[in-house]
Amino acid sequence: MNRGNILLRLVVVLAIILVINLIAHKAFFRLDFTADDRYTLSKATKDVLGDLEDVVTITAYFSEDLPAQLQSTRKDFEDLLVEYENRSDANVVYEFKNPNESEASERAAQEQGIAPISIQVRERDQAKQLRAYMGATLQMGESIEVISAVQVGARMEYEITSAIKKLSVTDKPKVALIQGHGEATLAAVPQLAQQLSILYDFEAYTINDSTEIPTYYRAIAMIDPKDTISVDDLNKLDNYLKTGGGIFLAYSNYSGGLNTQYLQPAPNIGLKSWLSQKGIVPGEQLVTDVKSASISVPQRQGPFTFTTNVQVPYIPIIGTFEDHPVSNGIESLVLPISNNITFTSSDSAVNVTSLAFTSEQSGAENLPVFIDINREWRENDFTEGEQTVAVALDGVDNGKIVFVSNGNFPVNGEPSQQQQQVNQDNVNFVANAIDWIADDTGLNELRTKGITQRPLKPLEAGDRDLIKLINVVLPVLLLLAYAFFRRQANLKKRQRWLQGDYS
């Protein structure tokens, strides 16, 4: 073969490689084998991209010298942006910038709202703090949304899609947070307000004596009412339902809390009788559950004070849900002190769904209750089985109701108090409920996409012992089997050689 032919073949091979790369860039795809499809764009994202009427420019601010464990985050983010660009028919474009390349670049990133993060890395057996950037801005026209720090995993898609949704929605529907009866204020639910602000104008509303609740509210929320609700206000709630509206209601049928350690029946504020007319009966008992959260309790030993985590069955961790848009993707609710719920209506026009349940190892205690943190709980304290703590009603007075027997589960606390971060799925559950009530469920599946926790399935003691035995014995048996077959093959080869067969 002469030199010319070699060069020609080399050029052909390089050309083929170039064409394959060009095709791969245009026809980008990934195979997704994750349990929650975290690397597959959801239908909600595809719908949002299909509705775009203007170009969204995404500027990713990522440091170039990220440690190895974060380089995969940058790669995942870039791969995701490629899919957005392809799915949007070029209505999404992106670029990457390195804020660390100069002081001017770093200042420009910070002016866009991208904050540096501190990452601890080890170099030559020494721990060092690295100042890095992992954020992005999205711009449509003059409007800008900022992702100050890109989250690892499926949360990436939710952040990008929700930001695009906020940029593209010009006239958001309204959702009301009812006030005037001791409810949680707008300032007391910042996590929920931030979540709902993506799709809705979430605003406080006090029921007026002279006017009905405006029908332009796609849904209303009443969270943790404590004061008397007048008959006139309850009638206005009925009239709102009759117009096809929907109500999310979180109410605790007791007074007191963990801080007081004493719980007693709630005063009559008019809500229980109104709910009973709909067929919802908030229980007079508190639910307890083996699957429960822990709290930090200070303990003193001699001159020293230390904190220990104590499990409190009055704070059930709800992990059992009915298949419903409200509970879609929810993995766990933390309900700090709740009542059970029963349903009594026989109206066939009302579709009732029990949404969330305690575990099979749960109990019930009659009010009043004194909470003893040091109480020793026994197996016979949890014999009531599953208990309902959230329900959804469709068709009640022509509207919808979602009721949770815990008033403060989505509440962070008033700004004058020490606000607490609440479980993200608590917020997601309320947002899903508002979406279902408002008939706007576009981001339901995306909001809860990504596995936050997946507890191991409990096994019987015998099953655990069998699995342990298999883990020990099976590798040894496989190794012995491999050694046996390898020895047999060598013996056969030696026999052939002895017979003069060297093939």
Protein backbone atom coordinates (compact mmCIF):
# COMPACT_ATOMS: atom_id res chain seq x y z
CA MET A 1 0.00 0.00 0.00
CA ASN A 2 1.54 3.29 -1.07
CA ARG A 3 1.74 6.44 0.97
CA GLY A 4 -1.06 8.16 -0.96
CA ASN A 5 -3.56 5.42 -0.14
CA ILE A 6 -2.62 5.56 3.55
CA LEU A 7 -3.20 9.32 3.67
CA LEU A 8 -6.50 8.94 1.79
CA ARG A 9 -7.77 6.35 4.24
CA LEU A 10 -6.67 8.49 7.17
CA VAL A 11 -8.59 11.48 5.76
CA VAL A 12 -11.71 9.30 5.22
CA VAL A 13 -11.56 7.99 8.81
CA LEU A 14 -11.17 11.53 10.22
CA ALA A 15 -14.07 12.72 8.06
CA ILE A 16 -16.28 9.89 9.32
CA ILE A 17 -15.40 10.73 12.93
CA LEU A 18 -16.20 14.42 12.30
CA VAL A 19 -19.59 13.58 10.73
CA ILE A 20 -20.46 11.22 13.60
CA ASN A 21 -19.65 13.95 16.13
CA LEU A 22 -21.78 16.49 14.27
CA ILE A 23 -24.71 14.08 14.09
CA ALA A 24 -24.31 13.14 17.78
CA HIS A 25 -24.36 16.81 18.76
CA LYS A 26 -27.57 17.45 16.83
CA ALA A 27 -29.23 14.16 17.75
CA PHE A 28 -28.26 14.24 21.43
CA PHE A 29 -29.91 11.63 23.63
CA ARG A 30 -29.29 9.77 26.87
CA LEU A 31 -30.40 6.39 28.13
CA ASP A 32 -31.95 6.81 31.57
CA PHE A 33 -31.99 3.80 33.89
CA THR A 34 -32.68 5.70 37.13
CA ALA A 35 -35.72 4.74 39.22
CA ASP A 36 -37.20 8.23 39.07
CA ASP A 37 -36.24 9.09 35.45
CA ARG A 38 -34.11 11.96 36.72
CA TYR A 39 -32.20 12.25 33.43
CA THR A 40 -35.35 12.29 31.26
CA LEU A 41 -37.17 15.55 30.64
CA SER A 42 -40.64 15.41 32.17
CA LYS A 43 -43.86 16.12 30.27
CA ALA A 44 -44.20 19.37 32.26
CA THR A 45 -40.82 20.58 30.97
CA LYS A 46 -41.66 19.62 27.39
CA ASP A 47 -44.98 21.50 27.64
CA VAL A 48 -43.26 24.61 29.02
CA LEU A 49 -40.65 24.54 26.24
CA GLY A 50 -43.33 23.94 23.58
CA ASP A 51 -45.22 27.05 24.74
CA LEU A 52 -42.21 29.39 24.55
CA GLU A 53 -42.76 32.34 22.25
CA ASP A 54 -39.46 34.11 22.89
CA VAL A 55 -35.82 33.17 23.36
CA VAL A 56 -34.54 32.32 26.84
CA THR A 57 -30.80 32.88 27.29
CA ILE A 58 -29.16 30.81 30.02
CA THR A 59 -25.77 31.93 31.24
CA ALA A 60 -24.07 29.30 33.39
CA TYR A 61 -21.42 30.62 35.78
CA PHE A 62 -19.20 27.64 36.64
CA SER A 63 -15.63 27.66 37.90
CA GLU A 64 -13.20 25.71 35.75
CA ASP A 65 -11.18 24.26 38.63
CA LEU A 66 -13.98 22.42 40.41
CA PRO A 67 -12.96 19.28 42.33
CA ALA A 68 -13.70 15.93 40.73
CA GLN A 69 -16.88 15.31 42.72
CA LEU A 70 -18.42 18.53 41.36
CA GLN A 71 -17.22 18.22 37.78
CA SER A 72 -20.02 15.69 37.24
CA THR A 73 -22.53 18.34 38.36
CA ARG A 74 -21.26 20.73 35.69
CA LYS A 75 -21.41 17.95 33.08
CA ASP A 76 -24.96 16.97 34.08
CA PHE A 77 -26.02 20.62 33.92
CA GLU A 78 -24.50 21.09 30.47
CA ASP A 79 -26.09 17.87 29.17
CA LEU A 80 -29.44 19.07 30.49
CA LEU A 81 -29.05 22.45 28.75
CA VAL A 82 -28.31 20.63 25.48
CA GLU A 83 -31.62 18.79 25.82
CA TYR A 84 -33.46 22.04 26.61
CA GLU A 85 -31.95 23.66 23.53
CA ASN A 86 -32.91 20.75 21.28
CA ARG A 87 -36.44 20.41 22.70
CA SER A 88 -37.18 24.12 22.44
CA ASP A 89 -36.39 24.49 18.73
CA ALA A 90 -33.57 26.89 19.66
CA ASN A 91 -35.81 29.01 21.92
CA VAL A 92 -33.36 28.13 24.70
CA VAL A 93 -29.71 29.07 24.15
CA TYR A 94 -26.89 28.83 26.65
CA GLU A 95 -23.26 29.72 27.31
CA PHE A 96 -20.76 28.95 30.07
CA LYS A 97 -18.60 31.56 31.78
CA ASN A 98 -15.77 31.14 34.27
CA PRO A 99 -16.09 33.81 36.98
CA ASN A 100 -12.67 32.88 38.41
CA GLU A 101 -10.72 33.93 35.34
CA SER A 102 -10.49 37.57 36.48
CA GLU A 103 -11.70 39.98 39.15
CA ALA A 104 -13.96 41.66 36.58
CA SER A 105 -15.60 38.32 35.68
CA GLU A 106 -16.15 37.49 39.34
CA ARG A 107 -17.65 40.91 40.03
CA ALA A 108 -19.96 40.55 37.00
CA ALA A 109 -21.20 37.17 38.26
CA GLN A 110 -21.91 38.55 41.73
CA GLU A 111 -23.77 41.52 40.25
CA GLN A 112 -26.04 39.00 38.50
CA GLY A 113 -26.85 37.42 41.89
CA ILE A 114 -24.48 34.44 41.63
CA ALA A 115 -22.91 33.93 45.05
CA PRO A 116 -19.63 32.05 45.55
CA ILE A 117 -19.69 28.83 47.53
CA SER A 118 -16.94 27.48 49.75
CA ILE A 119 -15.75 23.95 48.94
CA GLN A 120 -13.29 22.00 51.04
CA VAL A 121 -10.74 20.04 49.00
CA ARG A 122 -7.57 18.14 49.87
CA GLU A 123 -4.30 18.75 48.08
CA ARG A 124 -1.10 17.01 49.13
CA ASP A 125 -2.72 15.82 52.36
CA GLN A 126 -3.78 19.35 53.25
CA ALA A 127 -7.35 20.64 53.54
CA LYS A 128 -8.00 23.83 51.56
CA GLN A 129 -11.05 26.04 51.05
CA LEU A 130 -11.89 26.65 47.39
CA ARG A 131 -13.96 29.65 46.36
CA ALA A 132 -16.11 28.43 43.46
CA TYR A 133 -19.19 29.32 41.44
CA MET A 134 -22.01 26.99 40.34
CA GLY A 135 -24.92 29.23 39.37
CA ALA A 136 -26.89 30.43 36.36
CA THR A 137 -29.10 33.24 35.14
CA LEU A 138 -32.05 32.93 32.75
CA GLN A 139 -33.13 35.96 30.74
CA MET A 140 -36.13 36.59 28.51
CA GLY A 141 -36.34 40.13 27.24
CA GLU A 142 -35.74 42.39 30.24
CA SER A 143 -36.80 39.79 32.81
CA ILE A 144 -34.14 37.76 34.67
CA GLU A 145 -34.36 34.76 36.99
CA VAL A 146 -31.36 33.64 39.04
CA ILE A 147 -30.29 30.17 40.17
CA SER A 148 -27.64 31.17 42.68
CA ALA A 149 -26.38 27.61 43.22
CA VAL A 150 -27.23 24.67 40.98
CA GLN A 151 -28.56 21.71 42.95
CA VAL A 152 -27.22 18.24 42.27
CA GLY A 153 -29.57 15.63 40.77
CA ALA A 154 -33.17 15.88 39.60
CA ARG A 155 -33.62 19.26 41.31
CA MET A 156 -31.74 20.82 38.36
CA GLU A 157 -34.65 20.29 35.98
CA TYR A 158 -37.20 21.71 38.39
CA GLU A 159 -35.12 24.84 38.96
CA ILE A 160 -34.60 25.48 35.25
CA THR A 161 -38.18 24.75 34.19
CA SER A 162 -39.75 26.73 37.02
CA ALA A 163 -37.50 29.70 36.22
CA ILE A 164 -38.51 29.52 32.53
CA LYS A 165 -42.15 29.25 33.59
CA LYS A 166 -41.84 32.37 35.74
CA LEU A 167 -40.26 34.26 32.83
CA SER A 168 -42.89 33.16 30.30
CA VAL A 169 -46.06 33.57 32.40
CA THR A 170 -47.28 37.16 32.12
CA ASP A 171 -50.69 36.95 33.85
CA LYS A 172 -50.54 34.62 36.85
CA PRO A 173 -53.79 33.33 38.39
CA LYS A 174 -54.43 34.41 41.97
CA VAL A 175 -54.53 32.26 45.11
CA ALA A 176 -55.74 33.67 48.45
CA LEU A 177 -54.40 33.02 51.93
CA ILE A 178 -57.39 33.64 54.19
CA GLN A 179 -56.79 35.94 57.18
CA GLY A 180 -58.86 37.25 60.09
CA HIS A 181 -59.32 34.11 62.22
CA GLY A 182 -55.86 33.68 63.72
CA GLU A 183 -54.48 31.93 60.62
CA ALA A 184 -50.83 31.82 59.65
CA THR A 185 -49.86 35.02 57.87
CA LEU A 186 -48.13 35.29 54.51
CA ALA A 187 -44.87 36.12 56.28
CA ALA A 188 -45.16 32.92 58.33
CA VAL A 189 -45.08 30.64 55.26
CA PRO A 190 -42.11 31.90 53.19
CA GLN A 191 -41.27 28.45 51.79
CA LEU A 192 -44.82 27.92 50.58
CA ALA A 193 -45.07 31.47 49.25
CA GLN A 194 -41.86 31.02 47.26
CA GLN A 195 -43.09 27.71 45.85
CA LEU A 196 -46.49 29.04 44.80
CA SER A 197 -45.04 32.25 43.35
CA ILE A 198 -43.81 30.26 40.35
CA LEU A 199 -47.33 29.81 39.00
CA TYR A 200 -49.57 32.05 41.10
CA ASP A 201 -49.97 35.45 42.69
CA PHE A 202 -50.24 34.28 46.31
CA GLU A 203 -51.72 37.02 48.44
CA ALA A 204 -53.41 37.55 51.81
CA TYR A 205 -57.20 38.06 51.78
CA THR A 206 -59.53 38.93 54.64
CA ILE A 207 -63.16 37.91 54.12
CA ASN A 208 -65.29 41.03 53.77
CA ASP A 209 -68.65 41.33 55.53
CA SER A 210 -70.32 42.94 52.51
CA THR A 211 -68.89 41.03 49.53
CA GLU A 212 -68.42 37.44 48.47
CA ILE A 213 -64.99 35.87 48.04
CA PRO A 214 -63.87 36.93 44.52
CA THR A 215 -64.17 34.18 41.96
CA TYR A 216 -60.93 35.31 40.30
CA TYR A 217 -59.16 33.39 43.07
CA ARG A 218 -58.41 30.00 41.55
CA ALA A 219 -58.04 28.55 45.05
CA ILE A 220 -58.03 29.70 48.65
CA ALA A 221 -55.96 28.40 51.56
CA MET A 222 -56.83 28.55 55.25
CA ILE A 223 -53.85 27.47 57.37
CA ASP A 224 -54.03 26.97 61.15
CA PRO A 225 -57.13 29.05 62.09
CA LYS A 226 -57.49 29.52 65.86
CA ASP A 227 -60.19 32.18 66.35
CA THR A 228 -63.95 31.99 65.87
CA ILE A 229 -65.15 31.94 62.27
CA SER A 230 -68.51 33.65 61.98
CA VAL A 231 -71.52 31.98 60.37
CA ASP A 232 -71.44 34.69 57.71
CA ASP A 233 -67.81 33.88 56.83
CA LEU A 234 -68.60 30.16 56.68
CA ASN A 235 -71.51 30.90 54.36
CA LYS A 236 -69.14 32.82 52.10
CA LEU A 237 -66.88 29.75 51.99
CA ASP A 238 -69.94 27.71 50.94
CA ASN A 239 -70.82 30.22 48.23
CA TYR A 240 -67.24 30.17 46.96
CA LEU A 241 -67.40 26.37 46.67
CA LYS A 242 -70.69 26.63 44.77
CA THR A 243 -68.99 28.76 42.12
CA GLY A 244 -66.61 25.86 41.45
CA GLY A 245 -63.85 27.15 43.73
CA GLY A 246 -61.67 25.04 45.99
CA ILE A 247 -60.32 25.29 49.53
CA PHE A 248 -57.13 23.95 51.08
CA LEU A 249 -57.65 23.70 54.84
CA ALA A 250 -55.04 22.77 57.46
CA TYR A 251 -56.53 22.65 60.95
CA SER A 252 -55.45 21.19 64.30
CA ASN A 253 -58.34 20.02 66.49
CA TYR A 254 -56.48 20.71 69.73
CA SER A 255 -54.78 23.56 71.54
CA GLY A 256 -51.28 23.63 72.98
CA GLY A 257 -48.07 22.21 71.57
CA LEU A 258 -44.76 20.52 72.24
CA ASN A 259 -43.44 23.67 73.90
CA THR A 260 -46.24 23.60 76.51
CA GLN A 261 -46.22 19.77 76.74
CA TYR A 262 -49.97 19.90 77.45
CA LEU A 263 -52.61 19.38 74.78
CA GLN A 264 -56.33 19.79 75.25
CA PRO A 265 -59.44 19.85 73.02
CA ALA A 266 -59.62 22.89 70.77
CA PRO A 267 -62.21 25.57 71.53
CA ASN A 268 -65.23 25.62 69.23
CA ILE A 269 -64.43 28.11 66.45
CA GLY A 270 -67.29 26.95 64.22
CA LEU A 271 -65.09 25.00 61.83
CA LYS A 272 -65.79 21.46 63.07
CA SER A 273 -69.54 21.74 62.53
CA TRP A 274 -68.95 23.25 59.06
CA LEU A 275 -66.63 20.39 58.16
CA SER A 276 -69.08 17.79 59.49
CA GLN A 277 -71.68 19.16 57.04
CA LYS A 278 -69.26 18.19 54.28
CA GLY A 279 -68.80 14.75 55.85
CA ILE A 280 -65.35 15.44 57.34
CA VAL A 281 -64.97 14.72 61.05
CA PRO A 282 -61.67 15.84 62.66
CA GLY A 283 -60.95 13.32 65.41
CA GLU A 284 -60.88 14.09 69.11
CA GLN A 285 -57.79 11.87 69.49
CA LEU A 286 -54.13 12.45 68.73
CA VAL A 287 -52.39 9.95 66.45
CA THR A 288 -49.13 8.34 67.49
CA ASP A 289 -46.82 6.32 65.28
CA VAL A 290 -43.77 4.12 65.60
CA LYS A 291 -42.45 5.88 62.48
CA SER A 292 -41.90 9.30 63.98
CA ALA A 293 -39.46 12.19 64.10
CA SER A 294 -36.93 13.00 66.81
CA ILE A 295 -36.32 16.22 68.68
CA SER A 296 -33.23 17.46 70.48
CA VAL A 297 -33.66 17.44 74.25
CA PRO A 298 -31.13 19.05 76.65
CA GLN A 299 -30.03 16.74 79.46
CA ARG A 300 -27.88 17.48 82.45
CA GLN A 301 -25.30 15.08 83.85
CA GLY A 302 -23.37 16.49 86.75
CA PRO A 303 -21.94 19.88 85.78
CA PHE A 304 -22.37 19.17 82.05
CA THR A 305 -25.35 19.80 79.77
CA PHE A 306 -25.66 17.95 76.47
CA THR A 307 -28.40 17.31 73.94
CA THR A 308 -29.75 13.96 72.83
CA ASN A 309 -32.23 13.05 70.10
CA VAL A 310 -35.45 11.59 71.46
CA GLN A 311 -38.02 9.98 69.19
CA VAL A 312 -41.50 11.43 69.72
CA PRO A 313 -44.42 9.27 68.47
CA TYR A 314 -46.64 12.38 68.51
CA ILE A 315 -44.70 13.59 65.43
CA PRO A 316 -45.57 10.91 62.84
CA ILE A 317 -43.60 10.65 59.62
CA ILE A 318 -46.24 9.85 57.02
CA GLY A 319 -45.00 7.58 54.25
CA THR A 320 -48.19 5.92 52.94
CA PHE A 321 -50.21 7.78 50.29
CA GLU A 322 -53.08 7.13 47.94
CA ASP A 323 -52.42 7.56 44.21
CA HIS A 324 -53.76 11.08 43.59
CA PRO A 325 -52.49 14.34 42.01
CA VAL A 326 -52.18 15.92 45.48
CA SER A 327 -49.89 13.16 46.75
CA ASN A 328 -48.08 12.66 43.45
CA GLY A 329 -44.36 12.23 44.12
CA ILE A 330 -44.66 12.92 47.86
CA GLU A 331 -42.43 10.60 49.86
CA SER A 332 -42.84 11.77 53.43
CA LEU A 333 -44.85 14.29 55.43
CA VAL A 334 -43.79 15.34 58.90
CA LEU A 335 -46.90 16.19 60.91
CA PRO A 336 -46.04 17.61 64.35
CA ILE A 337 -49.09 16.45 66.39
CA SER A 338 -52.17 15.53 64.36
CA ASN A 339 -55.68 14.21 64.76
CA ASN A 340 -57.23 11.31 62.94
CA ILE A 341 -59.94 11.95 60.32
CA THR A 342 -63.16 10.05 59.64
CA PHE A 343 -65.65 10.60 56.84
CA THR A 344 -69.40 10.24 57.26
CA SER A 345 -71.08 11.59 54.11
CA SER A 346 -73.14 9.24 51.93
CA ASP A 347 -73.49 11.73 49.06
CA SER A 348 -72.60 9.73 45.94
CA ALA A 349 -71.91 12.97 44.04
CA VAL A 350 -68.86 13.62 46.22
CA ASN A 351 -65.68 11.77 45.33
CA VAL A 352 -63.68 11.20 48.53
CA THR A 353 -60.02 10.16 48.61
CA SER A 354 -58.07 9.45 51.77
CA LEU A 355 -54.70 10.91 50.77
CA ALA A 356 -52.26 10.15 53.59
CA PHE A 357 -52.08 7.54 56.35
CA THR A 358 -50.04 6.72 59.40
CA SER A 359 -48.21 3.38 59.45
CA GLU A 360 -49.82 0.11 60.51
CA GLN A 361 -48.05 0.50 63.85
CA SER A 362 -49.89 3.59 65.06
CA GLY A 363 -52.05 4.46 68.02
CA ALA A 364 -54.50 7.05 69.28
CA GLU A 365 -54.68 8.95 72.57
CA ASN A 366 -57.64 10.82 73.97
CA LEU A 367 -57.29 14.50 74.82
CA PRO A 368 -56.21 16.03 77.11
CA VAL A 369 -52.66 14.68 76.86
CA PHE A 370 -49.53 15.53 78.81
CA ILE A 371 -46.48 14.92 76.60
CA ASP A 372 -43.77 13.14 78.56
CA ILE A 373 -40.61 13.18 76.45
CA ASN A 374 -39.06 10.46 78.61
CA ARG A 375 -42.05 8.12 78.37
CA GLU A 376 -41.19 4.51 77.58
CA TRP A 377 -43.42 3.42 74.71
CA ARG A 378 -44.51 -0.19 74.34
CA GLU A 379 -45.79 -2.29 71.46
CA ASN A 380 -49.36 -2.28 72.79
CA ASP A 381 -49.39 1.54 72.50
CA PHE A 382 -49.60 1.17 68.70
CA THR A 383 -52.57 -1.09 67.95
CA GLU A 384 -54.92 1.17 65.98
CA GLY A 385 -53.51 0.42 62.50
CA GLU A 386 -53.48 2.95 59.66
CA GLN A 387 -55.23 6.26 60.37
CA THR A 388 -56.17 8.91 57.83
CA VAL A 389 -54.59 12.35 58.31
CA ALA A 390 -55.45 14.02 54.96
CA VAL A 391 -58.44 13.78 52.61
CA ALA A 392 -59.52 15.26 49.26
CA LEU A 393 -63.13 15.89 48.29
CA ASP A 394 -64.19 16.52 44.70
CA GLY A 395 -67.75 17.64 43.95
CA VAL A 396 -68.62 18.95 47.41
CA ASP A 397 -71.02 21.87 46.79
CA ASN A 398 -69.65 21.90 43.20
CA GLY A 399 -66.10 22.57 44.45
CA LYS A 400 -63.06 20.84 45.93
CA ILE A 401 -61.66 20.59 49.46
CA VAL A 402 -58.32 19.25 50.64
CA PHE A 403 -58.21 18.88 54.43
CA VAL A 404 -55.16 18.04 56.58
CA SER A 405 -55.61 17.41 60.31
CA ASN A 406 -52.57 19.48 61.21
CA GLY A 407 -52.58 23.24 61.06
CA ASN A 408 -48.90 24.12 61.26
CA PHE A 409 -47.17 21.47 59.13
CA PRO A 410 -46.34 24.00 56.32
CA VAL A 411 -45.68 26.93 58.71
CA ASN A 412 -42.15 28.29 59.26
CA GLY A 413 -43.27 30.69 61.99
CA GLU A 414 -43.82 34.42 62.22
CA PRO A 415 -40.77 36.64 61.52
CA SER A 416 -40.89 37.87 65.13
CA GLN A 417 -40.30 34.27 66.22
CA GLN A 418 -37.45 31.97 65.30
CA GLN A 419 -38.55 30.62 61.93
CA GLN A 420 -37.89 26.93 61.30
CA GLN A 421 -37.25 25.22 57.97
CA VAL A 422 -40.07 22.78 57.25
CA ASN A 423 -39.82 19.47 55.44
CA GLN A 424 -39.79 20.21 51.68
CA ASP A 425 -42.45 17.58 50.97
CA ASN A 426 -44.78 19.38 53.39
CA VAL A 427 -44.54 22.41 51.10
CA ASN A 428 -44.83 20.26 47.97
CA PHE A 429 -48.00 18.64 49.31
CA VAL A 430 -49.71 22.02 49.77
CA ALA A 431 -48.51 23.23 46.36
CA ASN A 432 -49.82 20.04 44.74
CA ALA A 433 -53.16 20.56 46.49
CA ILE A 434 -53.41 24.13 45.18
CA ASP A 435 -52.53 22.91 41.67
CA TRP A 436 -55.22 20.22 41.85
CA ILE A 437 -57.83 22.65 43.15
CA ALA A 438 -56.91 25.24 40.52
CA ASP A 439 -56.84 22.60 37.73
CA ASP A 440 -53.24 23.57 36.92
CA THR A 441 -51.09 20.50 37.60
CA GLY A 442 -48.32 21.18 35.08
CA LEU A 443 -45.41 21.13 37.55
CA ASN A 444 -46.76 18.48 39.95
CA GLU A 445 -44.66 15.63 38.62
CA LEU A 446 -41.59 17.84 38.20
CA ARG A 447 -41.81 19.50 41.61
CA THR A 448 -41.49 16.15 43.35
CA LYS A 449 -39.18 14.52 40.84
CA GLY A 450 -36.12 12.93 42.41
CA ILE A 451 -35.87 10.48 45.26
CA THR A 452 -35.32 12.33 48.55
CA GLN A 453 -35.42 9.29 50.74
CA ARG A 454 -36.07 5.64 50.10
CA PRO A 455 -36.15 3.60 53.32
CA LEU A 456 -35.11 -0.02 53.18
CA LYS A 457 -37.90 -2.56 53.14
CA PRO A 458 -38.02 -4.23 56.58
CA LEU A 459 -37.13 -7.95 56.57
CA GLU A 460 -37.88 -10.76 58.95
CA ALA A 461 -34.96 -12.00 61.06
CA GLY A 462 -34.85 -15.30 59.14
CA ASP A 463 -34.70 -13.51 55.79
CA ARG A 464 -31.86 -11.28 57.01
CA ASP A 465 -29.87 -14.32 58.21
CA LEU A 466 -30.42 -16.07 54.85
CA ILE A 467 -29.20 -13.02 52.92
CA LYS A 468 -26.12 -12.74 55.14
CA LEU A 469 -25.35 -16.42 54.56
CA ILE A 470 -25.73 -16.03 50.79
CA ASN A 471 -23.44 -12.97 50.84
CA VAL A 472 -20.75 -15.03 52.59
CA VAL A 473 -21.12 -18.39 50.85
CA LEU A 474 -22.02 -17.42 47.27
CA PRO A 475 -18.74 -15.58 46.42
CA VAL A 476 -16.75 -18.54 47.78
CA LEU A 477 -18.78 -21.03 45.71
CA LEU A 478 -18.35 -18.92 42.57
CA LEU A 479 -14.61 -18.71 43.16
CA LEU A 480 -14.36 -22.49 43.67
CA ALA A 481 -16.45 -23.14 40.56
CA TYR A 482 -14.22 -20.85 38.50
CA ALA A 483 -11.11 -22.59 39.87
CA PHE A 484 -12.58 -26.03 39.07
CA PHE A 485 -13.46 -25.18 35.47
CA ARG A 486 -10.11 -23.44 34.98
CA ARG A 487 -8.29 -26.54 36.28
CA GLN A 488 -10.34 -28.83 34.01
CA ALA A 489 -9.51 -26.65 31.01
CA ASN A 490 -5.79 -26.75 31.85
CA LEU A 491 -5.88 -30.54 32.25
CA LYS A 492 -7.53 -30.95 28.85
CA LYS A 493 -4.94 -28.63 27.26
CA ARG A 494 -2.08 -30.60 28.85
CA GLN A 495 -3.62 -33.88 27.66
CA ARG A 496 -3.76 -32.55 24.06
CA TRP A 497 -0.12 -31.47 24.28
CA LEU A 498 0.91 -34.93 25.48
CA GLN A 499 -0.87 -36.39 22.45
CA GLY A 500 1.03 -34.02 20.13
CA ASP A 501 -1.94 -31.66 19.48
CA TYR A 502 -0.55 -28.12 19.85
CA SER A 503 -3.46 -26.31 18.19
